[in-house]
Amino acid sequence: MKSGKVLIIGRPSVGKSTFVNNIIGQKVAITSPKAQTTRFPIKALYQDERGEIIFIDTPGIFGQAKDFLAKHINERTLQAIHEEVDVVVYMIDHTKRRNFEEAKVIGIVRKINKPKILVVNKVDVKEETYLPQYKFLEEEIPHVFEISALQNMHMKPLLTKIFELLPERTASEEMAEAKTHDYPILNIDSKTFIAELIREKVFLMMGEEIPYTTTAIVDEIKERKNGIMFIKARILTTELHYKKMLIGEGGRKIKELGSYARKEIALATGKKVYLDLKVEVDPHWQEVYYS
């Protein structure tokens, strides 16, 4: 049986989380077009008749980490890279120009002495391409696949190659422990997962600046006698004027955020959900929750 760990690495917003979600067949990582959507590595288990894979979805590497959170994200990604893995999937977005940030990722990938696969994502986007800027990588990385993670295009041949590169081995203790999980995501608890779903809605529904000033915290999950899952959660932001924007005139924005988050949580858990969602100001949430 094939068994092993596969590291997914790349710049922010190249589609790593979308790829893992579609491979697994359900949402294990939140997605949005904005950088910093993924803030810590996520491990998810894939199984079929060929064997078992733990996919490690890493946050994108920032070329210049200007704030505390960006530095923390880079540190967590580098920690994941130093973990023992069997295959590396280096993902690029051909619609993005190769720059200093990409060069930093390439330098990291070159230092990993494991079988590598180059994955060119977003091939469904035809309008603009910088693919010629990445052609030199085909001389360094022997296995190259072009996919659309969003459209689930050309994923099966890539998965077949990953299995080919994995070692034959009996399941490790980590794999055996993974089988005891009811859910494919292995390294975060239910409170963190639900908080991530709430944060995803902030990233998708608010403007450019606000998502980077926010996080979500789940304080309580309780199943009531009527079978409804009661969730008490907070969106934390750094300044009062961001709080006002998140709440909106007459509370309309927070109601909209809560409604979309509640539907997503209900879909993920298969239960009816009551979400008590508030917004609070905490200028130091990055240091408190990400240190």
C-alpha atoms as a PDB file:
ATOM      1  CA  MET A   1       0.000   0.000   0.000  1.00  0.00           C
ATOM      2  CA  LYS A   2       1.211   3.515  -0.812  1.00  0.00           C
ATOM      3  CA  SER A   3       1.309   5.806   2.210  1.00  0.00           C
ATOM      4  CA  GLY A   4       2.886   9.183   2.898  1.00  0.00           C
ATOM      5  CA  LYS A   5       2.762  12.937   3.359  1.00  0.00           C
ATOM      6  CA  VAL A   6       2.499  15.469   0.529  1.00  0.00           C
ATOM      7  CA  LEU A   7       3.472  19.090   1.095  1.00  0.00           C
ATOM      8  CA  ILE A   8       1.675  21.766  -0.953  1.00  0.00           C
ATOM      9  CA  ILE A   9       3.733  24.949  -1.259  1.00  0.00           C
ATOM     10  CA  GLY A  10       3.468  28.188  -3.226  1.00  0.00           C
ATOM     11  CA  ARG A  11       2.854  31.910  -3.077  1.00  0.00           C
ATOM     12  CA  PRO A  12      -0.312  33.317  -1.496  1.00  0.00           C
ATOM     13  CA  SER A  13      -3.536  32.857  -3.494  1.00  0.00           C
ATOM     14  CA  VAL A  14      -2.194  30.375  -6.065  1.00  0.00           C
ATOM     15  CA  GLY A  15      -5.003  27.916  -5.251  1.00  0.00           C
ATOM     16  CA  LYS A  16      -3.432  25.483  -2.770  1.00  0.00           C
ATOM     17  CA  SER A  17      -6.468  25.276  -0.489  1.00  0.00           C
ATOM     18  CA  THR A  18      -8.892  24.956  -3.399  1.00  0.00           C
ATOM     19  CA  PHE A  19      -6.753  22.099  -4.712  1.00  0.00           C
ATOM     20  CA  VAL A  20      -6.778  20.241  -1.383  1.00  0.00           C
ATOM     21  CA  ASN A  21     -10.524  20.778  -0.915  1.00  0.00           C
ATOM     22  CA  ASN A  22     -11.272  19.295  -4.332  1.00  0.00           C
ATOM     23  CA  ILE A  23      -8.889  16.368  -3.878  1.00  0.00           C
ATOM     24  CA  ILE A  24     -10.409  15.502  -0.495  1.00  0.00           C
ATOM     25  CA  GLY A  25     -13.929  16.027  -1.830  1.00  0.00           C
ATOM     26  CA  GLN A  26     -15.123  18.419   0.862  1.00  0.00           C
ATOM     27  CA  LYS A  27     -14.034  21.671   2.452  1.00  0.00           C
ATOM     28  CA  VAL A  28     -11.088  21.310   4.804  1.00  0.00           C
ATOM     29  CA  ALA A  29      -9.544  24.745   4.227  1.00  0.00           C
ATOM     30  CA  ILE A  30     -11.154  28.118   3.670  1.00  0.00           C
ATOM     31  CA  THR A  31     -10.587  29.938   0.394  1.00  0.00           C
ATOM     32  CA  SER A  32     -10.765  33.476  -0.951  1.00  0.00           C
ATOM     33  CA  PRO A  33      -8.887  35.544  -3.556  1.00  0.00           C
ATOM     34  CA  LYS A  34      -7.110  37.485  -0.802  1.00  0.00           C
ATOM     35  CA  ALA A  35      -3.686  36.786   0.655  1.00  0.00           C
ATOM     36  CA  GLN A  36      -3.493  35.551   4.282  1.00  0.00           C
ATOM     37  CA  THR A  37      -6.646  33.460   3.802  1.00  0.00           C
ATOM     38  CA  THR A  38      -4.755  30.404   5.073  1.00  0.00           C
ATOM     39  CA  ARG A  39      -2.940  31.330   8.272  1.00  0.00           C
ATOM     40  CA  PHE A  40      -1.583  27.965   9.436  1.00  0.00           C
ATOM     41  CA  PRO A  41      -0.824  24.563   7.880  1.00  0.00           C
ATOM     42  CA  ILE A  42      -3.785  22.211   7.562  1.00  0.00           C
ATOM     43  CA  LYS A  43      -3.414  18.439   7.392  1.00  0.00           C
ATOM     44  CA  ALA A  44      -6.110  16.416   5.645  1.00  0.00           C
ATOM     45  CA  LEU A  45      -6.398  12.702   4.950  1.00  0.00           C
ATOM     46  CA  TYR A  46      -7.123  11.256   1.507  1.00  0.00           C
ATOM     47  CA  GLN A  47      -7.796   7.523   1.077  1.00  0.00           C
ATOM     48  CA  ASP A  48      -8.618   5.254  -1.844  1.00  0.00           C
ATOM     49  CA  GLU A  49      -7.810   1.701  -2.942  1.00  0.00           C
ATOM     50  CA  ARG A  50      -4.220   2.723  -3.766  1.00  0.00           C
ATOM     51  CA  GLY A  51      -3.356   3.906  -0.263  1.00  0.00           C
ATOM     52  CA  GLU A  52      -3.395   6.916   2.042  1.00  0.00           C
ATOM     53  CA  ILE A  53      -2.074  10.457   1.763  1.00  0.00           C
ATOM     54  CA  ILE A  54      -1.840  13.199   4.340  1.00  0.00           C
ATOM     55  CA  PHE A  55      -1.934  16.448   2.370  1.00  0.00           C
ATOM     56  CA  ILE A  56      -0.324  19.403   4.148  1.00  0.00           C
ATOM     57  CA  ASP A  57      -1.814  22.656   2.867  1.00  0.00           C
ATOM     58  CA  THR A  58       0.587  25.449   3.799  1.00  0.00           C
ATOM     59  CA  PRO A  59      -0.050  29.198   3.918  1.00  0.00           C
ATOM     60  CA  GLY A  60       1.482  31.126   1.041  1.00  0.00           C
ATOM     61  CA  ILE A  61       5.031  32.380   1.511  1.00  0.00           C
ATOM     62  CA  PHE A  62       5.183  36.174   1.732  1.00  0.00           C
ATOM     63  CA  GLY A  63       8.179  37.776   0.076  1.00  0.00           C
ATOM     64  CA  GLN A  64       8.179  40.593   2.613  1.00  0.00           C
ATOM     65  CA  ALA A  65       6.473  39.911   5.947  1.00  0.00           C
ATOM     66  CA  LYS A  66       5.695  43.456   7.078  1.00  0.00           C
ATOM     67  CA  ASP A  67       3.444  42.766  10.074  1.00  0.00           C
ATOM     68  CA  PHE A  68       3.328  40.335  12.990  1.00  0.00           C
ATOM     69  CA  LEU A  69       0.777  38.052  11.359  1.00  0.00           C
ATOM     70  CA  ALA A  70       2.631  37.777   8.030  1.00  0.00           C
ATOM     71  CA  LYS A  71       5.833  36.906   9.916  1.00  0.00           C
ATOM     72  CA  HIS A  72       3.925  34.301  11.922  1.00  0.00           C
ATOM     73  CA  ILE A  73       2.447  32.800   8.739  1.00  0.00           C
ATOM     74  CA  ASN A  74       5.896  32.491   7.159  1.00  0.00           C
ATOM     75  CA  GLU A  75       7.265  30.864  10.333  1.00  0.00           C
ATOM     76  CA  ARG A  76       4.425  28.313  10.477  1.00  0.00           C
ATOM     77  CA  THR A  77       4.921  27.479   6.808  1.00  0.00           C
ATOM     78  CA  LEU A  78       8.656  26.951   7.268  1.00  0.00           C
ATOM     79  CA  GLN A  79       7.947  24.676  10.239  1.00  0.00           C
ATOM     80  CA  ALA A  80       5.674  22.557   8.040  1.00  0.00           C
ATOM     81  CA  ILE A  81       8.354  22.399   5.344  1.00  0.00           C
ATOM     82  CA  HIS A  82      10.869  21.021   7.841  1.00  0.00           C
ATOM     83  CA  GLU A  83       8.465  18.237   8.797  1.00  0.00           C
ATOM     84  CA  GLU A  84       9.270  14.849   7.274  1.00  0.00           C
ATOM     85  CA  VAL A  85       7.364  14.630   3.964  1.00  0.00           C
ATOM     86  CA  ASP A  86       7.517  12.239   1.009  1.00  0.00           C
ATOM     87  CA  VAL A  87       6.495  14.401  -1.966  1.00  0.00           C
ATOM     88  CA  VAL A  88       6.451  18.147  -2.606  1.00  0.00           C
ATOM     89  CA  VAL A  89       3.834  19.779  -4.833  1.00  0.00           C
ATOM     90  CA  TYR A  90       5.029  23.242  -5.862  1.00  0.00           C
ATOM     91  CA  MET A  91       2.068  25.203  -7.197  1.00  0.00           C
ATOM     92  CA  ILE A  92       2.302  28.311  -9.371  1.00  0.00           C
ATOM     93  CA  ASP A  93      -0.335  30.628 -10.794  1.00  0.00           C
ATOM     94  CA  HIS A  94       0.547  31.281 -14.446  1.00  0.00           C
ATOM     95  CA  THR A  95      -1.536  34.503 -14.406  1.00  0.00           C
ATOM     96  CA  LYS A  96       0.887  36.060 -11.893  1.00  0.00           C
ATOM     97  CA  ARG A  97       4.174  37.597 -12.948  1.00  0.00           C
ATOM     98  CA  ARG A  98       7.253  35.917 -11.439  1.00  0.00           C
ATOM     99  CA  ASN A  99       8.643  38.255  -8.783  1.00  0.00           C
ATOM    100  CA  PHE A 100      10.717  38.391  -5.584  1.00  0.00           C
ATOM    101  CA  GLU A 101       8.032  36.486  -3.669  1.00  0.00           C
ATOM    102  CA  GLU A 102       8.120  33.651  -6.206  1.00  0.00           C
ATOM    103  CA  ALA A 103      11.920  33.630  -6.133  1.00  0.00           C
ATOM    104  CA  LYS A 104      11.780  33.127  -2.369  1.00  0.00           C
ATOM    105  CA  VAL A 105       9.487  30.108  -2.762  1.00  0.00           C
ATOM    106  CA  ILE A 106      11.692  28.658  -5.515  1.00  0.00           C
ATOM    107  CA  GLY A 107      14.711  28.962  -3.199  1.00  0.00           C
ATOM    108  CA  ILE A 108      12.873  27.043  -0.477  1.00  0.00           C
ATOM    109  CA  VAL A 109      11.689  24.333  -2.879  1.00  0.00           C
ATOM    110  CA  ARG A 110      15.211  23.811  -4.212  1.00  0.00           C
ATOM    111  CA  LYS A 111      16.449  22.999  -0.693  1.00  0.00           C
ATOM    112  CA  ILE A 112      13.906  20.214  -0.138  1.00  0.00           C
ATOM    113  CA  ASN A 113      15.485  16.908  -1.086  1.00  0.00           C
ATOM    114  CA  LYS A 114      12.291  15.007  -1.936  1.00  0.00           C
ATOM    115  CA  PRO A 115      10.482  14.088  -5.177  1.00  0.00           C
ATOM    116  CA  LYS A 116       8.830  17.198  -6.586  1.00  0.00           C
ATOM    117  CA  ILE A 117       5.906  17.969  -8.832  1.00  0.00           C
ATOM    118  CA  LEU A 118       5.403  21.337 -10.515  1.00  0.00           C
ATOM    119  CA  VAL A 119       1.716  22.207 -10.774  1.00  0.00           C
ATOM    120  CA  VAL A 120       0.605  25.081 -13.011  1.00  0.00           C
ATOM    121  CA  ASN A 121      -2.790  26.127 -11.684  1.00  0.00           C
ATOM    122  CA  LYS A 122      -5.628  28.205 -13.181  1.00  0.00           C
ATOM    123  CA  VAL A 123      -5.231  26.928 -16.753  1.00  0.00           C
ATOM    124  CA  ASP A 124      -8.930  27.695 -17.223  1.00  0.00           C
ATOM    125  CA  VAL A 125      -7.943  31.395 -17.180  1.00  0.00           C
ATOM    126  CA  LYS A 126      -6.832  32.281 -20.721  1.00  0.00           C
ATOM    127  CA  GLU A 127      -6.791  36.080 -20.738  1.00  0.00           C
ATOM    128  CA  GLU A 128      -3.248  36.648 -19.472  1.00  0.00           C
ATOM    129  CA  THR A 129      -0.355  34.303 -18.872  1.00  0.00           C
ATOM    130  CA  TYR A 130       3.239  34.591 -17.683  1.00  0.00           C
ATOM    131  CA  LEU A 131       3.941  30.898 -18.198  1.00  0.00           C
ATOM    132  CA  PRO A 132       7.124  31.535 -20.248  1.00  0.00           C
ATOM    133  CA  GLN A 133       8.643  33.089 -17.088  1.00  0.00           C
ATOM    134  CA  TYR A 134       8.316  29.706 -15.361  1.00  0.00           C
ATOM    135  CA  LYS A 135       9.517  27.419 -18.171  1.00  0.00           C
ATOM    136  CA  PHE A 136      12.995  27.107 -16.644  1.00  0.00           C
ATOM    137  CA  LEU A 137      11.451  25.191 -13.736  1.00  0.00           C
ATOM    138  CA  GLU A 138      10.665  22.288 -16.063  1.00  0.00           C
ATOM    139  CA  GLU A 139      14.420  21.666 -16.303  1.00  0.00           C
ATOM    140  CA  GLU A 140      14.641  21.335 -12.502  1.00  0.00           C
ATOM    141  CA  ILE A 141      11.377  19.537 -11.730  1.00  0.00           C
ATOM    142  CA  PRO A 142      10.760  16.405 -13.829  1.00  0.00           C
ATOM    143  CA  HIS A 143       7.017  16.106 -13.275  1.00  0.00           C
ATOM    144  CA  VAL A 144       4.828  18.962 -14.554  1.00  0.00           C
ATOM    145  CA  PHE A 145       1.024  19.138 -14.563  1.00  0.00           C
ATOM    146  CA  GLU A 146      -1.349  21.872 -15.688  1.00  0.00           C
ATOM    147  CA  ILE A 147      -4.634  21.956 -13.783  1.00  0.00           C
ATOM    148  CA  SER A 148      -7.559  24.092 -12.743  1.00  0.00           C
ATOM    149  CA  ALA A 149      -8.175  23.396  -9.057  1.00  0.00           C
ATOM    150  CA  LEU A 150     -11.283  25.588  -9.144  1.00  0.00           C
ATOM    151  CA  GLN A 151     -12.831  23.727 -12.098  1.00  0.00           C
ATOM    152  CA  ASN A 152     -11.462  20.341 -10.959  1.00  0.00           C
ATOM    153  CA  MET A 153      -9.692  19.920 -14.316  1.00  0.00           C
ATOM    154  CA  HIS A 154      -6.861  17.389 -14.876  1.00  0.00           C
ATOM    155  CA  MET A 155      -6.707  16.434 -11.187  1.00  0.00           C
ATOM    156  CA  LYS A 156      -6.786  12.629 -11.614  1.00  0.00           C
ATOM    157  CA  PRO A 157      -3.477  12.325 -13.551  1.00  0.00           C
ATOM    158  CA  LEU A 158      -1.803  14.490 -10.916  1.00  0.00           C
ATOM    159  CA  LEU A 159      -3.136  12.321  -8.096  1.00  0.00           C
ATOM    160  CA  THR A 160      -1.938   9.212  -9.953  1.00  0.00           C
ATOM    161  CA  LYS A 161       1.580  10.649 -10.171  1.00  0.00           C
ATOM    162  CA  ILE A 162       1.561  11.523  -6.462  1.00  0.00           C
ATOM    163  CA  PHE A 163       0.726   7.920  -5.612  1.00  0.00           C
ATOM    164  CA  GLU A 164       3.502   6.709  -7.955  1.00  0.00           C
ATOM    165  CA  LEU A 165       6.050   8.816  -6.085  1.00  0.00           C
ATOM    166  CA  LEU A 166       4.933   7.757  -2.614  1.00  0.00           C
ATOM    167  CA  PRO A 167       6.756   4.866  -0.918  1.00  0.00           C
ATOM    168  CA  GLU A 168       5.244   1.455  -0.332  1.00  0.00           C
ATOM    169  CA  ARG A 169       4.807   1.109   3.398  1.00  0.00           C
ATOM    170  CA  THR A 170       2.443   0.004   6.088  1.00  0.00           C
ATOM    171  CA  ALA A 171       0.405   2.784   7.666  1.00  0.00           C
ATOM    172  CA  SER A 172       2.360   4.848  10.189  1.00  0.00           C
ATOM    173  CA  GLU A 173       1.114   5.631  13.690  1.00  0.00           C
ATOM    174  CA  GLU A 174      -0.016   9.022  12.400  1.00  0.00           C
ATOM    175  CA  MET A 175      -1.994   7.355   9.614  1.00  0.00           C
ATOM    176  CA  ALA A 176      -3.521   4.889  12.072  1.00  0.00           C
ATOM    177  CA  GLU A 177      -4.517   7.768  14.350  1.00  0.00           C
ATOM    178  CA  ALA A 178      -5.936   9.661  11.350  1.00  0.00           C
ATOM    179  CA  LYS A 179      -8.341   6.792  10.670  1.00  0.00           C
ATOM    180  CA  THR A 180      -9.977   7.395  14.043  1.00  0.00           C
ATOM    181  CA  HIS A 181     -11.127  10.852  12.916  1.00  0.00           C
ATOM    182  CA  ASP A 182     -14.669  11.216  11.635  1.00  0.00           C
ATOM    183  CA  TYR A 183     -13.568  14.178   9.545  1.00  0.00           C
ATOM    184  CA  PRO A 184     -10.643  14.299   7.083  1.00  0.00           C
ATOM    185  CA  ILE A 185      -9.032  17.369   8.665  1.00  0.00           C
ATOM    186  CA  LEU A 186      -6.525  16.117  11.212  1.00  0.00           C
ATOM    187  CA  ASN A 187      -4.897  18.958  13.092  1.00  0.00           C
ATOM    188  CA  ILE A 188      -7.598  21.441  14.110  1.00  0.00           C
ATOM    189  CA  ASP A 189     -10.555  21.075  16.446  1.00  0.00           C
ATOM    190  CA  SER A 190     -14.193  21.926  15.760  1.00  0.00           C
ATOM    191  CA  LYS A 191     -13.991  25.404  17.323  1.00  0.00           C
ATOM    192  CA  THR A 192     -11.049  26.350  15.110  1.00  0.00           C
ATOM    193  CA  PHE A 193     -12.700  24.929  11.988  1.00  0.00           C
ATOM    194  CA  ILE A 194     -15.937  26.850  12.591  1.00  0.00           C
ATOM    195  CA  ALA A 195     -13.978  30.019  13.365  1.00  0.00           C
ATOM    196  CA  GLU A 196     -12.207  29.586  10.030  1.00  0.00           C
ATOM    197  CA  LEU A 197     -15.550  29.305   8.201  1.00  0.00           C
ATOM    198  CA  ILE A 198     -16.665  32.577   9.816  1.00  0.00           C
ATOM    199  CA  ARG A 199     -13.372  34.266   8.906  1.00  0.00           C
ATOM    200  CA  GLU A 200     -13.782  33.089   5.317  1.00  0.00           C
ATOM    201  CA  LYS A 201     -17.042  35.040   5.053  1.00  0.00           C
ATOM    202  CA  VAL A 202     -15.285  38.187   6.284  1.00  0.00           C
ATOM    203  CA  PHE A 203     -12.616  37.733   3.599  1.00  0.00           C
ATOM    204  CA  LEU A 204     -15.200  37.153   0.886  1.00  0.00           C
ATOM    205  CA  MET A 205     -17.738  39.799   1.846  1.00  0.00           C
ATOM    206  CA  MET A 206     -15.709  42.764   3.113  1.00  0.00           C
ATOM    207  CA  GLY A 207     -13.449  45.194   1.274  1.00  0.00           C
ATOM    208  CA  GLU A 208      -9.738  44.936   0.690  1.00  0.00           C
ATOM    209  CA  GLU A 209      -8.447  46.265   4.021  1.00  0.00           C
ATOM    210  CA  ILE A 210     -10.786  44.876   6.676  1.00  0.00           C
ATOM    211  CA  PRO A 211     -10.001  41.117   6.415  1.00  0.00           C
ATOM    212  CA  TYR A 212      -6.375  41.666   7.440  1.00  0.00           C
ATOM    213  CA  THR A 213      -7.485  43.468  10.608  1.00  0.00           C
ATOM    214  CA  THR A 214      -9.757  40.601  11.717  1.00  0.00           C
ATOM    215  CA  THR A 215      -9.895  37.109  13.084  1.00  0.00           C
ATOM    216  CA  ALA A 216     -12.725  34.922  14.378  1.00  0.00           C
ATOM    217  CA  ILE A 217     -12.944  33.143  17.722  1.00  0.00           C
ATOM    218  CA  VAL A 218     -15.508  30.512  18.731  1.00  0.00           C
ATOM    219  CA  ASP A 219     -16.140  30.579  22.479  1.00  0.00           C
ATOM    220  CA  GLU A 220     -18.843  27.936  22.816  1.00  0.00           C
ATOM    221  CA  ILE A 221     -20.385  25.050  20.874  1.00  0.00           C
ATOM    222  CA  LYS A 222     -23.326  23.295  22.481  1.00  0.00           C
ATOM    223  CA  GLU A 223     -25.925  20.955  21.038  1.00  0.00           C
ATOM    224  CA  ARG A 224     -29.315  21.761  22.501  1.00  0.00           C
ATOM    225  CA  LYS A 225     -32.084  19.281  23.288  1.00  0.00           C
ATOM    226  CA  ASN A 226     -33.930  20.190  20.078  1.00  0.00           C
ATOM    227  CA  GLY A 227     -30.884  19.105  18.046  1.00  0.00           C
ATOM    228  CA  ILE A 228     -29.833  22.644  17.093  1.00  0.00           C
ATOM    229  CA  MET A 229     -26.117  23.393  17.369  1.00  0.00           C
ATOM    230  CA  PHE A 230     -25.659  26.628  19.352  1.00  0.00           C
ATOM    231  CA  ILE A 231     -22.458  28.503  18.533  1.00  0.00           C
ATOM    232  CA  LYS A 232     -21.223  31.629  20.304  1.00  0.00           C
ATOM    233  CA  ALA A 233     -18.514  33.435  18.339  1.00  0.00           C
ATOM    234  CA  ARG A 234     -16.741  36.756  17.964  1.00  0.00           C
ATOM    235  CA  ILE A 235     -15.112  38.622  15.108  1.00  0.00           C
ATOM    236  CA  LEU A 236     -12.141  40.540  16.478  1.00  0.00           C
ATOM    237  CA  THR A 237     -10.838  43.625  14.728  1.00  0.00           C
ATOM    238  CA  THR A 238      -8.189  46.191  15.544  1.00  0.00           C
ATOM    239  CA  GLU A 239     -10.060  49.506  15.481  1.00  0.00           C
ATOM    240  CA  LEU A 240     -13.495  50.929  16.255  1.00  0.00           C
ATOM    241  CA  HIS A 241     -14.145  52.169  12.709  1.00  0.00           C
ATOM    242  CA  TYR A 242     -13.553  48.627  11.379  1.00  0.00           C
ATOM    243  CA  LYS A 243     -16.054  47.340  13.953  1.00  0.00           C
ATOM    244  CA  LYS A 244     -18.629  49.815  12.665  1.00  0.00           C
ATOM    245  CA  MET A 245     -18.029  48.659   9.087  1.00  0.00           C
ATOM    246  CA  LEU A 246     -18.378  44.994  10.082  1.00  0.00           C
ATOM    247  CA  ILE A 247     -21.636  45.693  11.893  1.00  0.00           C
ATOM    248  CA  GLY A 248     -22.997  47.952   9.169  1.00  0.00           C
ATOM    249  CA  GLU A 249     -25.862  50.417   9.247  1.00  0.00           C
ATOM    250  CA  GLY A 250     -28.613  49.047  11.442  1.00  0.00           C
ATOM    251  CA  GLY A 251     -26.595  45.839  11.948  1.00  0.00           C
ATOM    252  CA  ARG A 252     -27.195  44.731   8.365  1.00  0.00           C
ATOM    253  CA  LYS A 253     -23.630  43.670   7.548  1.00  0.00           C
ATOM    254  CA  ILE A 254     -23.116  41.501  10.651  1.00  0.00           C
ATOM    255  CA  LYS A 255     -26.507  39.865  10.029  1.00  0.00           C
ATOM    256  CA  GLU A 256     -25.452  39.126   6.449  1.00  0.00           C
ATOM    257  CA  LEU A 257     -22.076  37.737   7.570  1.00  0.00           C
ATOM    258  CA  GLY A 258     -23.769  35.638  10.230  1.00  0.00           C
ATOM    259  CA  SER A 259     -26.360  34.279   7.816  1.00  0.00           C
ATOM    260  CA  TYR A 260     -23.784  33.149   5.258  1.00  0.00           C
ATOM    261  CA  ALA A 261     -21.527  31.690   7.967  1.00  0.00           C
ATOM    262  CA  ARG A 262     -24.438  29.829   9.576  1.00  0.00           C
ATOM    263  CA  LYS A 263     -25.390  28.243   6.243  1.00  0.00           C
ATOM    264  CA  GLU A 264     -21.777  27.181   5.622  1.00  0.00           C
ATOM    265  CA  ILE A 265     -21.452  25.678   9.113  1.00  0.00           C
ATOM    266  CA  ALA A 266     -24.767  23.833   8.711  1.00  0.00           C
ATOM    267  CA  LEU A 267     -23.585  22.440   5.369  1.00  0.00           C
ATOM    268  CA  ALA A 268     -20.269  21.309   6.858  1.00  0.00           C
ATOM    269  CA  THR A 269     -21.766  19.732   9.993  1.00  0.00           C
ATOM    270  CA  GLY A 270     -25.075  18.451   8.645  1.00  0.00           C
ATOM    271  CA  LYS A 271     -26.910  20.072  11.567  1.00  0.00           C
ATOM    272  CA  LYS A 272     -29.208  23.014  12.137  1.00  0.00           C
ATOM    273  CA  VAL A 273     -27.206  25.907  13.528  1.00  0.00           C
ATOM    274  CA  TYR A 274     -27.909  28.944  15.674  1.00  0.00           C
ATOM    275  CA  LEU A 275     -24.996  31.370  15.460  1.00  0.00           C
ATOM    276  CA  ASP A 276     -24.601  34.125  18.054  1.00  0.00           C
ATOM    277  CA  LEU A 277     -22.037  36.380  16.352  1.00  0.00           C
ATOM    278  CA  LYS A 278     -20.630  39.628  17.737  1.00  0.00           C
ATOM    279  CA  VAL A 279     -17.858  42.060  16.779  1.00  0.00           C
ATOM    280  CA  GLU A 280     -15.281  43.253  19.306  1.00  0.00           C
ATOM    281  CA  VAL A 281     -12.249  45.543  19.166  1.00  0.00           C
ATOM    282  CA  ASP A 282      -8.922  44.080  20.279  1.00  0.00           C
ATOM    283  CA  PRO A 283      -5.849  45.880  18.892  1.00  0.00           C
ATOM    284  CA  HIS A 284      -3.595  43.031  20.072  1.00  0.00           C
ATOM    285  CA  TRP A 285      -5.451  39.987  18.701  1.00  0.00           C
ATOM    286  CA  GLN A 286      -2.538  39.043  16.435  1.00  0.00           C
ATOM    287  CA  GLU A 287      -0.143  38.701  19.377  1.00  0.00           C
ATOM    288  CA  VAL A 288      -2.755  37.023  21.610  1.00  0.00           C
ATOM    289  CA  TYR A 289      -4.022  34.387  19.163  1.00  0.00           C
ATOM    290  CA  TYR A 290      -1.104  33.916  16.749  1.00  0.00           C
ATOM    291  CA  SER A 291       1.966  33.871  18.997  1.00  0.00           C
END
